[in-house]
């Protein structure tokens, strides 16, 4: 009656789900990252030194909005599937913005279309 616990993989899945949920709220929105990517190299500010961020805030991936501890970790990140998907997503059409959401919910300016008949 020995062997591994049959429910062992469930705990692992639950843990990874929690970390995914935790990190979901730490990144910038897609629209903010998209706007940052559209800026030219001259308009982008150099990264300030920040002791609270990994690698003093000097190793940053713009597409994924992540900081890394050193150059080698960042370069490994550039080879991952998650990063390549994110780059492809950011090179496509512009993501939805808060203005789009407001208009869709009816909170923005009304768009009734052109008048069909004038009286």
N, C-alpha and C. Protein backbone atom coordinates (compact mmCIF):
# COMPACT_ATOMS: atom_id res chain seq x y z
N UNK A 1 0.82 -1.19 0.00
CA UNK A 1 0.00 0.00 0.00
C UNK A 1 0.86 1.25 0.00
N UNK A 2 2.04 1.18 -0.55
CA UNK A 2 2.91 2.34 -0.59
C UNK A 2 2.73 3.10 -1.88
N UNK A 3 3.58 4.02 -2.13
CA UNK A 3 3.54 4.79 -3.36
C UNK A 3 3.19 6.24 -3.12
N UNK A 4 3.06 6.94 -4.20
CA UNK A 4 2.77 8.38 -4.10
C UNK A 4 1.30 8.63 -3.79
N UNK A 5 1.05 9.75 -3.23
CA UNK A 5 -0.32 10.16 -2.93
C UNK A 5 -1.04 10.47 -4.24
N UNK A 6 -2.24 9.94 -4.47
CA UNK A 6 -2.92 10.18 -5.75
C UNK A 6 -3.35 11.63 -5.96
N UNK A 7 -3.45 12.38 -4.87
CA UNK A 7 -3.92 13.77 -4.99
C UNK A 7 -2.78 14.77 -4.96
N UNK A 8 -1.57 14.32 -5.11
CA UNK A 8 -0.41 15.19 -4.99
C UNK A 8 -0.39 16.29 -6.06
N UNK A 9 -0.76 15.95 -7.27
CA UNK A 9 -0.72 16.93 -8.35
C UNK A 9 -1.77 18.03 -8.19
N UNK A 10 -2.82 17.80 -7.45
CA UNK A 10 -3.86 18.80 -7.26
C UNK A 10 -3.31 20.00 -6.48
N UNK A 11 -2.50 19.73 -5.44
CA UNK A 11 -1.93 20.83 -4.66
C UNK A 11 -0.99 21.67 -5.52
N UNK A 12 -0.23 21.00 -6.36
CA UNK A 12 0.69 21.73 -7.22
C UNK A 12 -0.08 22.65 -8.18
N UNK A 13 -1.16 22.15 -8.74
CA UNK A 13 -1.97 22.95 -9.65
C UNK A 13 -2.57 24.15 -8.91
N UNK A 14 -3.02 23.92 -7.69
CA UNK A 14 -3.63 24.99 -6.92
C UNK A 14 -2.60 26.08 -6.62
N UNK A 15 -1.38 25.69 -6.31
CA UNK A 15 -0.33 26.66 -6.02
C UNK A 15 -0.02 27.51 -7.24
N UNK A 16 0.11 26.89 -8.40
CA UNK A 16 0.45 27.66 -9.60
C UNK A 16 -0.69 28.60 -9.98
N UNK A 17 -1.92 28.20 -9.69
CA UNK A 17 -3.05 29.06 -9.98
C UNK A 17 -2.99 30.32 -9.10
N UNK A 18 -2.60 30.13 -7.84
CA UNK A 18 -2.52 31.28 -6.94
C UNK A 18 -1.45 32.26 -7.39
N UNK A 19 -0.31 31.75 -7.82
CA UNK A 19 0.75 32.65 -8.24
C UNK A 19 0.36 33.39 -9.51
N UNK A 20 -0.35 32.71 -10.38
CA UNK A 20 -0.81 33.37 -11.61
C UNK A 20 -1.79 34.49 -11.27
N UNK A 21 -2.67 34.25 -10.32
CA UNK A 21 -3.63 35.27 -9.92
C UNK A 21 -2.94 36.45 -9.25
N UNK A 22 -1.91 36.15 -8.44
CA UNK A 22 -1.19 37.19 -7.74
C UNK A 22 -0.47 38.12 -8.70
N UNK A 23 0.19 37.55 -9.69
CA UNK A 23 0.98 38.36 -10.61
C UNK A 23 0.11 39.06 -11.65
N UNK A 24 -1.13 38.64 -11.78
CA UNK A 24 -2.00 39.25 -12.78
C UNK A 24 -2.20 40.73 -12.53
N UNK A 25 -2.26 41.13 -11.27
CA UNK A 25 -2.58 42.50 -10.94
C UNK A 25 -1.34 43.38 -10.79
N UNK A 26 -0.15 42.80 -10.93
CA UNK A 26 1.07 43.58 -10.75
C UNK A 26 1.57 44.20 -12.05
N UNK A 27 1.13 43.71 -13.20
CA UNK A 27 1.63 44.20 -14.46
C UNK A 27 0.78 45.36 -14.97
N UNK A 28 1.37 46.19 -15.82
CA UNK A 28 0.61 47.27 -16.46
C UNK A 28 -0.41 46.66 -17.42
N UNK A 29 -1.42 47.43 -17.74
CA UNK A 29 -2.41 46.98 -18.69
C UNK A 29 -1.83 46.92 -20.09
N UNK A 30 -2.48 46.16 -20.95
CA UNK A 30 -2.01 46.01 -22.32
C UNK A 30 -1.96 47.35 -23.04
N UNK A 31 -2.93 48.22 -22.77
CA UNK A 31 -2.96 49.50 -23.48
C UNK A 31 -1.78 50.39 -23.07
N UNK A 32 -1.36 50.33 -21.82
CA UNK A 32 -0.22 51.14 -21.38
C UNK A 32 1.08 50.63 -21.99
N UNK A 33 1.23 49.31 -22.05
CA UNK A 33 2.43 48.72 -22.66
C UNK A 33 2.46 49.03 -24.16
N UNK A 34 1.30 48.95 -24.81
CA UNK A 34 1.21 49.23 -26.24
C UNK A 34 1.62 50.67 -26.53
N UNK A 35 1.15 51.61 -25.70
CA UNK A 35 1.53 53.02 -25.88
C UNK A 35 3.02 53.23 -25.67
N UNK A 36 3.60 52.53 -24.71
CA UNK A 36 5.04 52.65 -24.45
C UNK A 36 5.85 52.11 -25.62
N UNK A 37 5.37 51.06 -26.25
CA UNK A 37 6.08 50.48 -27.40
C UNK A 37 6.01 51.38 -28.63
N UNK A 38 4.97 52.17 -28.74
CA UNK A 38 4.81 53.04 -29.90
C UNK A 38 5.72 54.26 -29.84
N UNK A 39 6.28 54.55 -28.66
CA UNK A 39 7.19 55.69 -28.53
C UNK A 39 8.51 55.37 -29.22
N UNK A 40 9.16 56.40 -29.71
CA UNK A 40 10.47 56.19 -30.33
C UNK A 40 11.54 56.04 -29.25
N UNK A 41 12.73 55.64 -29.65
CA UNK A 41 13.83 55.43 -28.70
C UNK A 41 14.20 56.72 -27.97
N UNK A 42 14.10 57.86 -28.66
CA UNK A 42 14.47 59.13 -28.04
C UNK A 42 13.46 59.53 -26.96
N UNK A 43 12.19 59.19 -27.15
CA UNK A 43 11.15 59.58 -26.20
C UNK A 43 11.16 58.73 -24.93
N UNK A 44 11.70 57.52 -25.02
CA UNK A 44 11.74 56.65 -23.85
C UNK A 44 12.78 57.15 -22.86
N UNK A 45 12.40 57.16 -21.61
CA UNK A 45 13.30 57.62 -20.56
C UNK A 45 14.26 56.49 -20.19
N UNK A 46 15.50 56.83 -19.82
CA UNK A 46 16.40 55.78 -19.33
C UNK A 46 15.88 55.24 -17.99
N UNK A 47 16.16 53.98 -17.72
CA UNK A 47 15.65 53.36 -16.51
C UNK A 47 16.36 53.92 -15.27
N UNK A 48 15.61 54.44 -14.31
CA UNK A 48 16.25 54.94 -13.09
C UNK A 48 16.70 53.78 -12.20
N UNK A 49 17.71 54.01 -11.39
CA UNK A 49 18.19 52.99 -10.45
C UNK A 49 17.22 52.95 -9.27
N UNK A 50 16.67 51.77 -9.01
CA UNK A 50 15.72 51.59 -7.92
C UNK A 50 16.13 50.37 -7.12
N UNK A 51 16.44 50.56 -5.85
CA UNK A 51 16.92 49.47 -5.02
C UNK A 51 15.86 48.43 -4.73
N UNK A 52 14.59 48.80 -4.82
CA UNK A 52 13.51 47.87 -4.49
C UNK A 52 13.22 46.88 -5.61
N UNK A 53 13.62 47.18 -6.82
CA UNK A 53 13.35 46.31 -7.95
C UNK A 53 14.49 45.32 -8.15
N UNK A 54 14.21 44.16 -8.76
CA UNK A 54 15.28 43.21 -9.05
C UNK A 54 16.31 43.82 -10.00
N UNK A 55 17.57 43.56 -9.75
CA UNK A 55 18.64 44.07 -10.61
C UNK A 55 18.73 45.58 -10.60
N UNK A 56 18.32 46.20 -9.50
CA UNK A 56 18.33 47.67 -9.37
C UNK A 56 17.47 48.35 -10.45
N UNK A 57 16.54 47.62 -11.05
CA UNK A 57 15.64 48.19 -12.04
C UNK A 57 16.27 48.44 -13.40
N UNK A 58 17.42 47.82 -13.70
CA UNK A 58 18.12 48.10 -14.94
C UNK A 58 17.83 47.10 -16.05
N UNK A 59 17.30 45.92 -15.72
CA UNK A 59 17.06 44.87 -16.71
C UNK A 59 15.55 44.68 -16.83
N UNK A 60 14.98 45.25 -17.88
CA UNK A 60 13.54 45.37 -18.01
C UNK A 60 13.08 44.86 -19.36
N UNK A 61 11.97 44.16 -19.38
CA UNK A 61 11.33 43.73 -20.63
C UNK A 61 10.10 44.60 -20.83
N UNK A 62 10.12 45.41 -21.86
CA UNK A 62 9.01 46.34 -22.11
C UNK A 62 7.73 45.59 -22.46
N UNK A 63 7.84 44.55 -23.27
CA UNK A 63 6.66 43.83 -23.72
C UNK A 63 5.90 43.18 -22.57
N UNK A 64 6.63 42.57 -21.64
CA UNK A 64 6.01 41.83 -20.54
C UNK A 64 5.90 42.65 -19.26
N UNK A 65 6.50 43.84 -19.23
CA UNK A 65 6.48 44.71 -18.07
C UNK A 65 7.06 43.98 -16.85
N UNK A 66 8.28 43.42 -17.02
CA UNK A 66 8.94 42.67 -15.95
C UNK A 66 10.37 43.15 -15.79
N UNK A 67 10.83 43.11 -14.55
CA UNK A 67 12.22 43.41 -14.23
C UNK A 67 12.94 42.11 -13.92
N UNK A 68 14.25 42.06 -14.23
CA UNK A 68 15.03 40.85 -14.02
C UNK A 68 16.28 41.17 -13.21
N UNK A 69 16.84 40.13 -12.58
CA UNK A 69 17.98 40.30 -11.69
C UNK A 69 19.26 40.60 -12.45
N UNK A 70 19.44 40.03 -13.64
CA UNK A 70 20.66 40.29 -14.41
C UNK A 70 20.39 40.06 -15.89
N UNK A 71 21.40 40.31 -16.70
CA UNK A 71 21.25 40.24 -18.16
C UNK A 71 20.96 38.82 -18.62
N UNK A 72 21.62 37.84 -18.01
CA UNK A 72 21.44 36.46 -18.48
C UNK A 72 20.01 35.97 -18.24
N UNK A 73 19.41 36.35 -17.12
CA UNK A 73 18.03 35.96 -16.85
C UNK A 73 17.09 36.63 -17.84
N UNK A 74 17.35 37.91 -18.12
CA UNK A 74 16.51 38.62 -19.09
C UNK A 74 16.63 38.00 -20.48
N UNK A 75 17.85 37.64 -20.89
CA UNK A 75 18.05 37.02 -22.20
C UNK A 75 17.37 35.66 -22.28
N UNK A 76 17.36 34.91 -21.19
CA UNK A 76 16.64 33.63 -21.16
C UNK A 76 15.14 33.88 -21.29
N UNK A 77 14.66 34.94 -20.67
CA UNK A 77 13.24 35.29 -20.77
C UNK A 77 12.86 35.60 -22.21
N UNK A 78 13.76 36.25 -22.95
CA UNK A 78 13.46 36.59 -24.34
C UNK A 78 13.25 35.35 -25.19
N UNK A 79 13.74 34.20 -24.78
CA UNK A 79 13.60 32.96 -25.55
C UNK A 79 12.34 32.17 -25.18
N UNK A 80 11.62 32.60 -24.15
CA UNK A 80 10.48 31.82 -23.68
C UNK A 80 9.26 32.01 -24.57
N UNK A 81 8.38 31.03 -24.48
CA UNK A 81 7.15 31.06 -25.26
C UNK A 81 6.24 32.20 -24.81
N UNK A 82 6.20 32.46 -23.51
CA UNK A 82 5.35 33.52 -22.98
C UNK A 82 5.76 34.88 -23.56
N UNK A 83 7.07 35.15 -23.63
CA UNK A 83 7.54 36.42 -24.16
C UNK A 83 7.23 36.54 -25.65
N UNK A 84 7.47 35.47 -26.40
CA UNK A 84 7.21 35.53 -27.84
C UNK A 84 5.73 35.74 -28.13
N UNK A 85 4.86 35.14 -27.33
CA UNK A 85 3.42 35.36 -27.51
C UNK A 85 3.05 36.81 -27.21
N UNK A 86 3.69 37.35 -26.18
CA UNK A 86 3.40 38.72 -25.79
C UNK A 86 3.87 39.71 -26.87
N UNK A 87 5.04 39.45 -27.45
CA UNK A 87 5.55 40.31 -28.53
C UNK A 87 4.59 40.27 -29.71
N UNK A 88 4.14 39.08 -30.05
CA UNK A 88 3.21 38.93 -31.18
C UNK A 88 1.89 39.65 -30.90
N UNK A 89 1.43 39.55 -29.66
CA UNK A 89 0.19 40.22 -29.27
C UNK A 89 0.33 41.74 -29.35
N UNK A 90 1.47 42.27 -28.93
CA UNK A 90 1.69 43.72 -28.94
C UNK A 90 1.95 44.27 -30.34
N UNK A 91 2.37 43.44 -31.28
CA UNK A 91 2.59 43.90 -32.65
C UNK A 91 1.31 43.89 -33.47
N UNK A 92 0.25 43.32 -32.92
CA UNK A 92 -1.02 43.25 -33.63
C UNK A 92 -1.81 44.54 -33.48
N UNK A 93 -3.14 44.45 -33.57
CA UNK A 93 -3.97 45.65 -33.43
C UNK A 93 -3.92 46.18 -32.00
N UNK A 94 -4.27 47.44 -31.85
CA UNK A 94 -4.22 48.08 -30.54
C UNK A 94 -5.21 47.41 -29.59
N UNK A 95 -4.82 47.17 -28.34
CA UNK A 95 -5.75 46.58 -27.38
C UNK A 95 -6.83 47.57 -26.98
N UNK A 96 -7.87 47.06 -26.35
CA UNK A 96 -8.97 47.92 -25.92
C UNK A 96 -8.51 48.83 -24.80
N UNK A 97 -9.06 50.03 -24.79
CA UNK A 97 -8.71 51.01 -23.76
C UNK A 97 -9.92 51.24 -22.86
N UNK A 98 -9.74 52.07 -21.85
CA UNK A 98 -10.83 52.38 -20.94
C UNK A 98 -11.93 53.16 -21.66
N UNK A 99 -11.56 53.98 -22.63
CA UNK A 99 -12.55 54.71 -23.41
C UNK A 99 -13.45 53.75 -24.18
N UNK A 100 -12.86 52.72 -24.78
CA UNK A 100 -13.65 51.71 -25.49
C UNK A 100 -14.64 51.03 -24.54
N UNK A 101 -14.17 50.72 -23.33
CA UNK A 101 -15.03 50.05 -22.36
C UNK A 101 -16.19 50.96 -21.95
N UNK A 102 -15.90 52.24 -21.75
CA UNK A 102 -16.96 53.18 -21.38
C UNK A 102 -17.99 53.32 -22.48
N UNK A 103 -17.53 53.40 -23.72
CA UNK A 103 -18.47 53.52 -24.84
C UNK A 103 -19.32 52.27 -24.99
N UNK A 104 -18.74 51.10 -24.77
CA UNK A 104 -19.48 49.86 -24.91
C UNK A 104 -20.53 49.70 -23.81
N UNK A 105 -20.25 50.23 -22.63
CA UNK A 105 -21.20 50.10 -21.53
C UNK A 105 -22.26 51.19 -21.55
N UNK A 106 -22.12 52.16 -22.45
CA UNK A 106 -23.10 53.22 -22.56
C UNK A 106 -22.80 54.41 -21.68
N UNK A 107 -21.62 54.47 -21.10
CA UNK A 107 -21.27 55.57 -20.21
C UNK A 107 -20.62 56.73 -20.96
N UNK A 108 -20.20 56.50 -22.18
CA UNK A 108 -19.53 57.54 -22.93
C UNK A 108 -20.52 58.39 -23.69
N UNK A 109 -20.00 59.18 -24.64
CA UNK A 109 -20.87 60.02 -25.45
C UNK A 109 -21.76 59.13 -26.33
N UNK A 110 -23.03 59.47 -26.48
CA UNK A 110 -23.90 58.63 -27.29
C UNK A 110 -23.56 58.75 -28.78
N UNK A 111 -23.60 57.64 -29.46
CA UNK A 111 -23.37 57.61 -30.89
C UNK A 111 -24.62 57.04 -31.52
N UNK A 112 -25.51 57.94 -31.92
CA UNK A 112 -26.79 57.50 -32.47
C UNK A 112 -26.73 57.31 -33.97
N UNK A 113 -25.62 57.58 -34.59
CA UNK A 113 -25.51 57.41 -36.02
C UNK A 113 -26.04 58.63 -36.76
N UNK A 114 -25.95 58.60 -38.07
CA UNK A 114 -26.45 59.74 -38.86
C UNK A 114 -27.98 59.80 -38.84
N UNK A 115 -28.48 61.00 -38.96
CA UNK A 115 -29.94 61.15 -39.00
C UNK A 115 -30.47 60.64 -40.34
N UNK A 116 -31.52 59.88 -40.26
CA UNK A 116 -32.10 59.31 -41.48
C UNK A 116 -33.08 60.27 -42.12
N UNK A 117 -33.92 60.90 -41.30
CA UNK A 117 -34.89 61.85 -41.82
C UNK A 117 -34.83 63.13 -40.99
N UNK A 118 -34.85 64.25 -41.65
CA UNK A 118 -34.89 65.50 -40.92
C UNK A 118 -36.27 66.11 -41.09
N UNK A 119 -36.84 66.61 -40.01
CA UNK A 119 -38.19 67.20 -40.11
C UNK A 119 -38.17 68.65 -39.75
